[in-house]
Amino acid sequence: MVRGFFIGRFQPYHLGHHNVIRHIVYEVDELIIGIGSAQESHTLENPFTAGERVLMVAKALDEIDTELRKRVYIIPLEDIYRNSLWVSHVCSMVPPFDVVYSNNPLVIRLFKEAGFEVRTTEMYNRNEYQGTEIRRRMLKGESWENLVPKSVAEVIKQIGGIERIKEIAGRDA
């Protein structure tokens, strides 16, 4: 059995993440999705809580396949701010895994140094499918719903995510 690990901040979970996960789940028997920077919320860079991000990912997985969640663990991971210890911190917080999926150069380096197999993934429309661009569009009142799975847009609306981002921006301005 092969268990994979994929980490992201998911601020918010978008169609780029969705396409990557859609491919990973057919390469592994089980997948651990780490919600990175879980301690962060209510800032322009990290407006959503770990719980809200878990909900976004879980609902989006159902859009891929309703049986998929039986093979996926979604685990919030707080930062420890010490790169030399980060991989061991991750390993202490999640089930054992065999392969790491990432395109982040630091994540790739740290896991390779720790002896893990690391696979890069295809990047999908990186200019639009990125949290920074989606949050910018929310803040400016531009169209953003087409960049996230339908269920994620519904979660963001239910939690008042757009209003939160605009209030945070007003406070930070």
N, C-alpha and C. Protein backbone atom coordinates (compact mmCIF):
# COMPACT_ATOMS: atom_id res chain seq x y z
N MET A 1 0.84 -1.18 0.00
CA MET A 1 0.00 0.00 0.00
C MET A 1 0.89 1.25 0.00
N VAL A 2 0.54 2.21 -0.82
CA VAL A 2 1.30 3.45 -0.92
C VAL A 2 0.43 4.58 -0.37
N ARG A 3 1.02 5.34 0.56
CA ARG A 3 0.32 6.49 1.13
C ARG A 3 1.11 7.74 0.76
N GLY A 4 0.43 8.72 0.19
CA GLY A 4 1.06 9.96 -0.22
C GLY A 4 0.76 11.09 0.74
N PHE A 5 1.57 12.14 0.64
CA PHE A 5 1.41 13.34 1.47
C PHE A 5 1.46 14.57 0.56
N PHE A 6 0.49 15.46 0.71
CA PHE A 6 0.41 16.71 -0.06
C PHE A 6 0.05 17.82 0.92
N ILE A 7 0.82 18.90 0.91
CA ILE A 7 0.56 19.99 1.84
C ILE A 7 0.32 21.29 1.08
N GLY A 8 -0.57 22.10 1.64
CA GLY A 8 -0.84 23.42 1.09
C GLY A 8 -1.49 24.28 2.16
N ARG A 9 -1.50 25.58 1.94
CA ARG A 9 -2.20 26.46 2.89
C ARG A 9 -3.69 26.50 2.58
N PHE A 10 -4.04 26.33 1.31
CA PHE A 10 -5.43 26.31 0.88
C PHE A 10 -6.18 27.56 1.34
N GLN A 11 -5.65 28.73 0.96
CA GLN A 11 -6.21 30.03 1.36
C GLN A 11 -6.73 30.79 0.15
N PRO A 12 -7.76 30.34 -0.54
CA PRO A 12 -8.56 29.14 -0.33
C PRO A 12 -8.10 27.97 -1.21
N TYR A 13 -8.72 26.83 -0.99
CA TYR A 13 -8.56 25.67 -1.86
C TYR A 13 -9.11 26.07 -3.23
N HIS A 14 -8.32 25.85 -4.30
CA HIS A 14 -8.74 26.29 -5.63
C HIS A 14 -8.61 25.17 -6.66
N LEU A 15 -8.95 25.49 -7.89
CA LEU A 15 -8.96 24.47 -8.95
C LEU A 15 -7.57 23.93 -9.27
N GLY A 16 -6.52 24.69 -9.00
CA GLY A 16 -5.16 24.15 -9.15
C GLY A 16 -4.94 22.99 -8.19
N HIS A 17 -5.28 23.22 -6.90
CA HIS A 17 -5.20 22.13 -5.91
C HIS A 17 -6.07 20.95 -6.34
N HIS A 18 -7.27 21.29 -6.79
CA HIS A 18 -8.26 20.27 -7.15
C HIS A 18 -7.72 19.35 -8.26
N ASN A 19 -7.11 19.95 -9.28
CA ASN A 19 -6.56 19.15 -10.38
C ASN A 19 -5.38 18.30 -9.91
N VAL A 20 -4.52 18.85 -9.07
CA VAL A 20 -3.38 18.09 -8.54
C VAL A 20 -3.88 16.89 -7.74
N ILE A 21 -4.80 17.13 -6.83
CA ILE A 21 -5.32 16.03 -6.00
C ILE A 21 -6.04 15.00 -6.86
N ARG A 22 -6.75 15.45 -7.86
CA ARG A 22 -7.45 14.54 -8.77
C ARG A 22 -6.48 13.54 -9.40
N HIS A 23 -5.24 13.98 -9.66
CA HIS A 23 -4.25 13.07 -10.24
C HIS A 23 -3.54 12.24 -9.16
N ILE A 24 -3.21 12.84 -8.05
CA ILE A 24 -2.50 12.12 -6.99
C ILE A 24 -3.30 10.92 -6.50
N VAL A 25 -4.60 11.08 -6.30
CA VAL A 25 -5.40 10.01 -5.69
C VAL A 25 -5.42 8.73 -6.51
N TYR A 26 -5.05 8.82 -7.78
CA TYR A 26 -5.00 7.61 -8.60
C TYR A 26 -3.61 6.99 -8.61
N GLU A 27 -2.63 7.66 -7.99
CA GLU A 27 -1.28 7.11 -7.88
C GLU A 27 -1.04 6.45 -6.53
N VAL A 28 -1.88 6.76 -5.54
CA VAL A 28 -1.67 6.24 -4.18
C VAL A 28 -2.94 5.55 -3.69
N ASP A 29 -2.76 4.70 -2.68
CA ASP A 29 -3.91 4.03 -2.08
C ASP A 29 -4.61 4.95 -1.07
N GLU A 30 -3.81 5.75 -0.37
CA GLU A 30 -4.35 6.72 0.59
C GLU A 30 -3.55 8.01 0.44
N LEU A 31 -4.21 9.12 0.79
CA LEU A 31 -3.56 10.43 0.68
C LEU A 31 -3.77 11.21 1.96
N ILE A 32 -2.69 11.78 2.45
CA ILE A 32 -2.75 12.71 3.58
C ILE A 32 -2.65 14.11 3.00
N ILE A 33 -3.63 14.94 3.31
CA ILE A 33 -3.59 16.34 2.89
C ILE A 33 -3.31 17.16 4.13
N GLY A 34 -2.15 17.81 4.16
CA GLY A 34 -1.78 18.66 5.28
C GLY A 34 -2.24 20.09 5.03
N ILE A 35 -2.95 20.64 6.01
CA ILE A 35 -3.37 22.04 5.95
C ILE A 35 -2.26 22.84 6.63
N GLY A 36 -1.39 23.45 5.84
CA GLY A 36 -0.25 24.17 6.37
C GLY A 36 -0.61 25.49 7.01
N SER A 37 0.27 25.96 7.88
CA SER A 37 0.07 27.22 8.62
C SER A 37 -1.30 27.23 9.30
N ALA A 38 -1.63 26.12 9.94
CA ALA A 38 -2.96 25.95 10.54
C ALA A 38 -3.26 26.97 11.63
N GLN A 39 -2.22 27.52 12.24
CA GLN A 39 -2.43 28.49 13.32
C GLN A 39 -2.82 29.87 12.79
N GLU A 40 -2.66 30.07 11.49
CA GLU A 40 -2.90 31.39 10.89
C GLU A 40 -4.35 31.54 10.44
N SER A 41 -4.93 32.69 10.70
CA SER A 41 -6.26 33.05 10.19
C SER A 41 -6.48 34.54 10.39
N HIS A 42 -7.51 35.05 9.73
CA HIS A 42 -7.94 36.43 9.90
C HIS A 42 -6.87 37.46 9.54
N THR A 43 -6.05 37.11 8.53
CA THR A 43 -5.10 38.06 7.96
C THR A 43 -5.34 38.07 6.45
N LEU A 44 -4.81 39.08 5.75
CA LEU A 44 -5.00 39.12 4.30
C LEU A 44 -4.36 37.92 3.60
N GLU A 45 -3.23 37.47 4.10
CA GLU A 45 -2.56 36.32 3.49
C GLU A 45 -3.21 34.99 3.88
N ASN A 46 -3.74 34.94 5.08
CA ASN A 46 -4.35 33.71 5.61
C ASN A 46 -5.69 34.05 6.26
N PRO A 47 -6.71 34.34 5.45
CA PRO A 47 -7.98 34.78 6.04
C PRO A 47 -8.82 33.67 6.66
N PHE A 48 -8.63 32.44 6.24
CA PHE A 48 -9.51 31.35 6.67
C PHE A 48 -8.88 30.51 7.77
N THR A 49 -9.70 30.04 8.70
CA THR A 49 -9.22 29.22 9.80
C THR A 49 -8.88 27.82 9.30
N ALA A 50 -8.16 27.07 10.10
CA ALA A 50 -7.83 25.69 9.75
C ALA A 50 -9.11 24.88 9.57
N GLY A 51 -10.07 25.07 10.45
CA GLY A 51 -11.33 24.33 10.35
C GLY A 51 -12.09 24.65 9.07
N GLU A 52 -12.08 25.91 8.70
CA GLU A 52 -12.75 26.31 7.45
C GLU A 52 -12.05 25.69 6.25
N ARG A 53 -10.73 25.63 6.30
CA ARG A 53 -9.97 25.05 5.19
C ARG A 53 -10.18 23.54 5.13
N VAL A 54 -10.27 22.88 6.28
CA VAL A 54 -10.59 21.45 6.29
C VAL A 54 -11.94 21.22 5.62
N LEU A 55 -12.92 22.06 5.95
CA LEU A 55 -14.25 21.94 5.37
C LEU A 55 -14.20 22.15 3.85
N MET A 56 -13.45 23.16 3.40
CA MET A 56 -13.32 23.41 1.96
C MET A 56 -12.76 22.18 1.25
N VAL A 57 -11.68 21.63 1.78
CA VAL A 57 -11.04 20.48 1.15
C VAL A 57 -11.98 19.28 1.15
N ALA A 58 -12.61 19.01 2.28
CA ALA A 58 -13.50 17.86 2.38
C ALA A 58 -14.66 17.96 1.38
N LYS A 59 -15.27 19.11 1.31
CA LYS A 59 -16.39 19.30 0.37
C LYS A 59 -15.91 19.17 -1.08
N ALA A 60 -14.74 19.72 -1.37
CA ALA A 60 -14.20 19.64 -2.73
C ALA A 60 -13.88 18.19 -3.11
N LEU A 61 -13.39 17.39 -2.16
CA LEU A 61 -13.11 15.98 -2.45
C LEU A 61 -14.37 15.25 -2.89
N ASP A 62 -15.49 15.61 -2.29
CA ASP A 62 -16.76 14.99 -2.66
C ASP A 62 -17.12 15.28 -4.12
N GLU A 63 -16.66 16.42 -4.63
CA GLU A 63 -16.90 16.75 -6.04
C GLU A 63 -16.11 15.84 -6.96
N ILE A 64 -14.96 15.35 -6.49
CA ILE A 64 -14.15 14.42 -7.29
C ILE A 64 -14.79 13.04 -7.26
N ASP A 65 -15.10 12.57 -6.05
CA ASP A 65 -15.66 11.22 -5.88
C ASP A 65 -16.14 11.11 -4.43
N THR A 66 -17.41 10.78 -4.24
CA THR A 66 -17.95 10.73 -2.87
C THR A 66 -17.31 9.63 -2.03
N GLU A 67 -16.70 8.65 -2.66
CA GLU A 67 -16.01 7.57 -1.92
C GLU A 67 -14.58 7.95 -1.57
N LEU A 68 -14.08 9.02 -2.18
CA LEU A 68 -12.68 9.41 -2.03
C LEU A 68 -12.29 9.71 -0.59
N ARG A 69 -13.17 10.35 0.16
CA ARG A 69 -12.82 10.76 1.53
C ARG A 69 -12.49 9.57 2.42
N LYS A 70 -12.89 8.38 2.04
CA LYS A 70 -12.53 7.18 2.82
C LYS A 70 -11.04 6.87 2.70
N ARG A 71 -10.38 7.44 1.67
CA ARG A 71 -8.96 7.19 1.44
C ARG A 71 -8.10 8.41 1.71
N VAL A 72 -8.70 9.46 2.27
CA VAL A 72 -7.97 10.72 2.47
C VAL A 72 -8.07 11.15 3.92
N TYR A 73 -6.92 11.56 4.47
CA TYR A 73 -6.85 12.17 5.80
C TYR A 73 -6.57 13.65 5.59
N ILE A 74 -7.32 14.51 6.25
CA ILE A 74 -7.09 15.96 6.17
C ILE A 74 -6.65 16.41 7.56
N ILE A 75 -5.40 16.87 7.66
CA ILE A 75 -4.82 17.15 8.97
C ILE A 75 -4.22 18.56 9.02
N PRO A 76 -4.72 19.41 9.92
CA PRO A 76 -4.12 20.73 10.09
C PRO A 76 -2.73 20.61 10.72
N LEU A 77 -1.79 21.39 10.20
CA LEU A 77 -0.41 21.37 10.68
C LEU A 77 0.04 22.79 10.98
N GLU A 78 0.39 23.05 12.23
CA GLU A 78 0.89 24.36 12.61
C GLU A 78 2.36 24.49 12.21
N ASP A 79 2.78 25.71 11.94
CA ASP A 79 4.18 25.98 11.63
C ASP A 79 5.01 25.91 12.91
N ILE A 80 6.28 25.51 12.75
CA ILE A 80 7.17 25.52 13.91
C ILE A 80 8.34 26.49 13.72
N TYR A 81 8.49 27.06 12.51
CA TYR A 81 9.50 28.09 12.24
C TYR A 81 10.94 27.62 12.45
N ARG A 82 11.18 26.32 12.24
CA ARG A 82 12.54 25.77 12.26
C ARG A 82 12.62 24.73 11.17
N ASN A 83 13.13 25.14 10.02
CA ASN A 83 13.15 24.25 8.86
C ASN A 83 13.85 22.93 9.13
N SER A 84 14.91 22.95 9.93
CA SER A 84 15.67 21.72 10.19
C SER A 84 14.85 20.69 10.97
N LEU A 85 13.80 21.12 11.63
CA LEU A 85 12.96 20.21 12.41
C LEU A 85 11.58 19.99 11.80
N TRP A 86 11.28 20.71 10.73
CA TRP A 86 9.92 20.72 10.19
C TRP A 86 9.45 19.35 9.72
N VAL A 87 10.27 18.60 8.99
CA VAL A 87 9.86 17.29 8.49
C VAL A 87 9.54 16.35 9.65
N SER A 88 10.37 16.35 10.68
CA SER A 88 10.07 15.47 11.82
C SER A 88 8.79 15.92 12.52
N HIS A 89 8.53 17.22 12.55
CA HIS A 89 7.27 17.73 13.11
C HIS A 89 6.08 17.20 12.30
N VAL A 90 6.17 17.31 10.98
CA VAL A 90 5.09 16.81 10.12
C VAL A 90 4.89 15.31 10.36
N CYS A 91 5.99 14.56 10.37
CA CYS A 91 5.89 13.11 10.56
C CYS A 91 5.28 12.74 11.90
N SER A 92 5.46 13.58 12.91
CA SER A 92 4.88 13.30 14.22
C SER A 92 3.39 13.61 14.28
N MET A 93 2.89 14.36 13.31
CA MET A 93 1.49 14.81 13.34
C MET A 93 0.57 14.06 12.38
N VAL A 94 1.13 13.29 11.46
CA VAL A 94 0.32 12.62 10.45
C VAL A 94 0.64 11.13 10.42
N PRO A 95 -0.24 10.33 9.81
CA PRO A 95 0.09 8.90 9.63
C PRO A 95 1.34 8.75 8.76
N PRO A 96 2.02 7.61 8.87
CA PRO A 96 3.20 7.38 8.04
C PRO A 96 2.85 7.49 6.55
N PHE A 97 3.80 7.97 5.75
CA PHE A 97 3.58 8.08 4.31
C PHE A 97 4.85 7.70 3.57
N ASP A 98 4.68 7.40 2.28
CA ASP A 98 5.77 6.89 1.46
C ASP A 98 6.31 7.90 0.47
N VAL A 99 5.45 8.77 -0.01
CA VAL A 99 5.85 9.71 -1.07
C VAL A 99 5.22 11.07 -0.79
N VAL A 100 5.99 12.11 -1.09
CA VAL A 100 5.55 13.49 -0.90
C VAL A 100 5.31 14.11 -2.27
N TYR A 101 4.22 14.85 -2.39
CA TYR A 101 3.90 15.58 -3.61
C TYR A 101 4.01 17.07 -3.32
N SER A 102 4.86 17.76 -4.08
CA SER A 102 5.02 19.20 -3.87
C SER A 102 5.74 19.82 -5.05
N ASN A 103 5.50 21.11 -5.25
CA ASN A 103 6.27 21.91 -6.20
C ASN A 103 7.03 23.01 -5.47
N ASN A 104 6.90 23.07 -4.16
CA ASN A 104 7.57 24.09 -3.36
C ASN A 104 9.03 23.69 -3.18
N PRO A 105 9.97 24.52 -3.65
CA PRO A 105 11.38 24.14 -3.57
C PRO A 105 11.87 23.82 -2.15
N LEU A 106 11.43 24.56 -1.15
CA LEU A 106 11.85 24.30 0.22
C LEU A 106 11.29 22.97 0.71
N VAL A 107 10.01 22.72 0.47
CA VAL A 107 9.39 21.46 0.88
C VAL A 107 10.11 20.29 0.21
N ILE A 108 10.38 20.42 -1.08
CA ILE A 108 11.08 19.36 -1.81
C ILE A 108 12.45 19.10 -1.18
N ARG A 109 13.19 20.15 -0.95
CA ARG A 109 14.54 20.02 -0.37
C ARG A 109 14.50 19.36 1.01
N LEU A 110 13.62 19.83 1.88
CA LEU A 110 13.57 19.30 3.25
C LEU A 110 13.18 17.83 3.28
N PHE A 111 12.20 17.45 2.47
CA PHE A 111 11.79 16.04 2.47
C PHE A 111 12.83 15.14 1.80
N LYS A 112 13.47 15.62 0.75
CA LYS A 112 14.54 14.82 0.12
C LYS A 112 15.70 14.62 1.10
N GLU A 113 16.07 15.69 1.82
CA GLU A 113 17.15 15.56 2.81
C GLU A 113 16.80 14.55 3.89
N ALA A 114 15.49 14.41 4.17
CA ALA A 114 15.04 13.45 5.19
C ALA A 114 14.86 12.05 4.62
N GLY A 115 15.16 11.88 3.33
CA GLY A 115 15.13 10.54 2.73
C GLY A 115 13.82 10.14 2.09
N PHE A 116 12.91 11.06 1.89
CA PHE A 116 11.62 10.73 1.29
C PHE A 116 11.69 10.85 -0.23
N GLU A 117 10.89 10.03 -0.90
CA GLU A 117 10.67 10.20 -2.33
C GLU A 117 9.75 11.41 -2.49
N VAL A 118 10.12 12.32 -3.38
CA VAL A 118 9.31 13.51 -3.64
C VAL A 118 8.98 13.55 -5.13
N ARG A 119 7.71 13.74 -5.41
CA ARG A 119 7.25 13.87 -6.79
C ARG A 119 6.67 15.26 -7.00
N THR A 120 7.06 15.88 -8.09
CA THR A 120 6.44 17.16 -8.43
C THR A 120 5.15 16.89 -9.20
N THR A 121 4.30 17.89 -9.23
CA THR A 121 3.02 17.76 -9.89
C THR A 121 2.90 18.79 -11.01
N GLU A 122 1.99 18.54 -11.91
CA GLU A 122 1.74 19.51 -12.97
C GLU A 122 1.13 20.77 -12.36
N MET A 123 1.49 21.91 -12.91
CA MET A 123 0.91 23.19 -12.47
C MET A 123 -0.23 23.53 -13.43
N TYR A 124 -1.35 23.92 -12.87
CA TYR A 124 -2.53 24.23 -13.67
C TYR A 124 -2.83 25.72 -13.61
N ASN A 125 -2.74 26.39 -14.74
CA ASN A 125 -3.12 27.80 -14.87
C ASN A 125 -2.65 28.60 -13.65
N ARG A 126 -1.38 28.54 -13.38
CA ARG A 126 -0.79 29.11 -12.16
C ARG A 126 -1.04 30.61 -12.00
N ASN A 127 -1.23 31.33 -13.09
CA ASN A 127 -1.48 32.77 -12.96
C ASN A 127 -2.80 33.08 -12.27
N GLU A 128 -3.81 32.25 -12.52
CA GLU A 128 -5.12 32.49 -11.91
C GLU A 128 -5.38 31.58 -10.71
N TYR A 129 -4.93 30.33 -10.80
CA TYR A 129 -5.18 29.38 -9.72
C TYR A 129 -4.13 29.54 -8.63
N GLN A 130 -4.25 30.62 -7.90
CA GLN A 130 -3.39 30.84 -6.74
C GLN A 130 -4.17 31.68 -5.74
N GLY A 131 -3.96 31.37 -4.49
CA GLY A 131 -4.70 32.04 -3.42
C GLY A 131 -4.57 33.54 -3.45
N THR A 132 -3.38 34.04 -3.74
CA THR A 132 -3.16 35.50 -3.76
C THR A 132 -4.09 36.17 -4.77
N GLU A 133 -4.18 35.60 -5.95
CA GLU A 133 -5.03 36.17 -6.99
C GLU A 133 -6.51 36.06 -6.61
N ILE A 134 -6.91 34.94 -6.06
CA ILE A 134 -8.31 34.75 -5.67
C ILE A 134 -8.69 35.73 -4.56
N ARG A 135 -7.83 35.88 -3.56
CA ARG A 135 -8.12 36.83 -2.47
C ARG A 135 -8.14 38.27 -2.99
N ARG A 136 -7.26 38.60 -3.94
CA ARG A 136 -7.26 39.94 -4.54
C ARG A 136 -8.59 40.21 -5.24
N ARG A 137 -9.06 39.22 -5.98
CA ARG A 137 -10.33 39.38 -6.68
C ARG A 137 -11.49 39.54 -5.69
N MET A 138 -11.48 38.78 -4.63
CA MET A 138 -12.52 38.91 -3.61
C MET A 138 -12.53 40.33 -3.04
N LEU A 139 -11.34 40.80 -2.73
CA LEU A 139 -11.20 42.13 -2.14
C LEU A 139 -11.69 43.23 -3.08
N LYS A 140 -11.42 43.07 -4.37
CA LYS A 140 -11.78 44.09 -5.37
C LYS A 140 -13.19 43.91 -5.92
N GLY A 141 -13.90 42.87 -5.46
CA GLY A 141 -15.26 42.63 -5.96
C GLY A 141 -15.28 42.08 -7.38
N GLU A 142 -14.19 41.46 -7.80
CA GLU A 142 -14.11 40.85 -9.12
C GLU A 142 -14.54 39.40 -9.07
N SER A 143 -14.75 38.81 -10.23
CA SER A 143 -15.16 37.42 -10.33
C SER A 143 -14.06 36.49 -9.81
N TRP A 144 -14.39 35.60 -8.91
CA TRP A 144 -13.43 34.64 -8.35
C TRP A 144 -14.00 33.23 -8.27
N GLU A 145 -15.32 33.09 -8.28
CA GLU A 145 -15.97 31.79 -8.08
C GLU A 145 -15.56 30.75 -9.11
N ASN A 146 -15.19 31.20 -10.32
CA ASN A 146 -14.79 30.27 -11.37
C ASN A 146 -13.40 29.69 -11.14
N LEU A 147 -12.70 30.14 -10.10
CA LEU A 147 -11.34 29.66 -9.81
C LEU A 147 -11.30 28.62 -8.70
N VAL A 148 -12.45 28.35 -8.10
CA VAL A 148 -12.54 27.38 -7.01
C VAL A 148 -13.66 26.39 -7.31
N PRO A 149 -13.59 25.18 -6.73
CA PRO A 149 -14.73 24.27 -6.89
C PRO A 149 -16.00 24.91 -6.34
N LYS A 150 -17.12 24.53 -6.90
CA LYS A 150 -18.41 25.11 -6.51
C LYS A 150 -18.63 25.00 -5.00
N SER A 151 -18.30 23.86 -4.42
CA SER A 151 -18.51 23.65 -2.99
C SER A 151 -17.66 24.60 -2.15
N VAL A 152 -16.48 24.94 -2.62
CA VAL A 152 -15.60 25.86 -1.89
C VAL A 152 -16.20 27.27 -1.92
N ALA A 153 -16.71 27.68 -3.08
CA ALA A 153 -17.37 28.99 -3.16
C ALA A 153 -18.54 29.05 -2.17
N GLU A 154 -19.28 27.96 -2.06
CA GLU A 154 -20.42 27.91 -1.13
C GLU A 154 -19.94 28.04 0.32
N VAL A 155 -18.86 27.35 0.67
CA VAL A 155 -18.32 27.45 2.04
C VAL A 155 -17.88 28.88 2.32
N ILE A 156 -17.17 29.49 1.39
CA ILE A 156 -16.68 30.86 1.59
C ILE A 156 -17.85 31.81 1.80
N LYS A 157 -18.89 31.64 1.03
CA LYS A 157 -20.07 32.50 1.19
C LYS A 157 -20.76 32.24 2.53
N GLN A 158 -20.89 30.98 2.93
CA GLN A 158 -21.54 30.62 4.19
C GLN A 158 -20.83 31.21 5.40
N ILE A 159 -19.50 31.26 5.35
CA ILE A 159 -18.75 31.75 6.51
C ILE A 159 -18.51 33.25 6.46
N GLY A 160 -19.01 33.91 5.41
CA GLY A 160 -18.78 35.35 5.28
C GLY A 160 -17.34 35.68 4.95
N GLY A 161 -16.69 34.83 4.17
CA GLY A 161 -15.28 34.98 3.87
C GLY A 161 -14.93 36.26 3.12
N ILE A 162 -15.76 36.66 2.19
CA ILE A 162 -15.47 37.88 1.42
C ILE A 162 -15.57 39.09 2.33
N GLU A 163 -16.59 39.12 3.16
CA GLU A 163 -16.75 40.23 4.10
C GLU A 163 -15.57 40.28 5.07
N ARG A 164 -15.11 39.12 5.51
CA ARG A 164 -13.95 39.05 6.42
C ARG A 164 -12.72 39.67 5.76
N ILE A 165 -12.45 39.26 4.52
CA ILE A 165 -11.28 39.78 3.81
C ILE A 165 -11.37 41.29 3.67
N LYS A 166 -12.55 41.79 3.32
CA LYS A 166 -12.71 43.24 3.14
C LYS A 166 -12.55 43.98 4.47
N GLU A 167 -13.06 43.41 5.54
CA GLU A 167 -12.89 44.04 6.86
C GLU A 167 -11.44 44.03 7.30
N ILE A 168 -10.76 42.93 7.08
CA ILE A 168 -9.34 42.84 7.43
C ILE A 168 -8.54 43.87 6.63
N ALA A 169 -8.84 43.97 5.35
CA ALA A 169 -8.13 44.94 4.49
C ALA A 169 -8.38 46.36 4.96
N GLY A 170 -9.59 46.65 5.39
CA GLY A 170 -9.90 47.98 5.90
C GLY A 170 -9.14 48.30 7.17
N ARG A 171 -8.96 47.27 7.98
CA ARG A 171 -8.23 47.42 9.24
C ARG A 171 -6.74 47.60 8.98
N ASP A 172 -6.23 46.89 7.94
CA ASP A 172 -4.80 46.93 7.64
C ASP A 172 -4.40 48.14 6.81
N ALA A 173 -5.38 48.77 6.15
CA ALA A 173 -5.07 49.85 5.22
C ALA A 173 -4.61 51.09 5.95
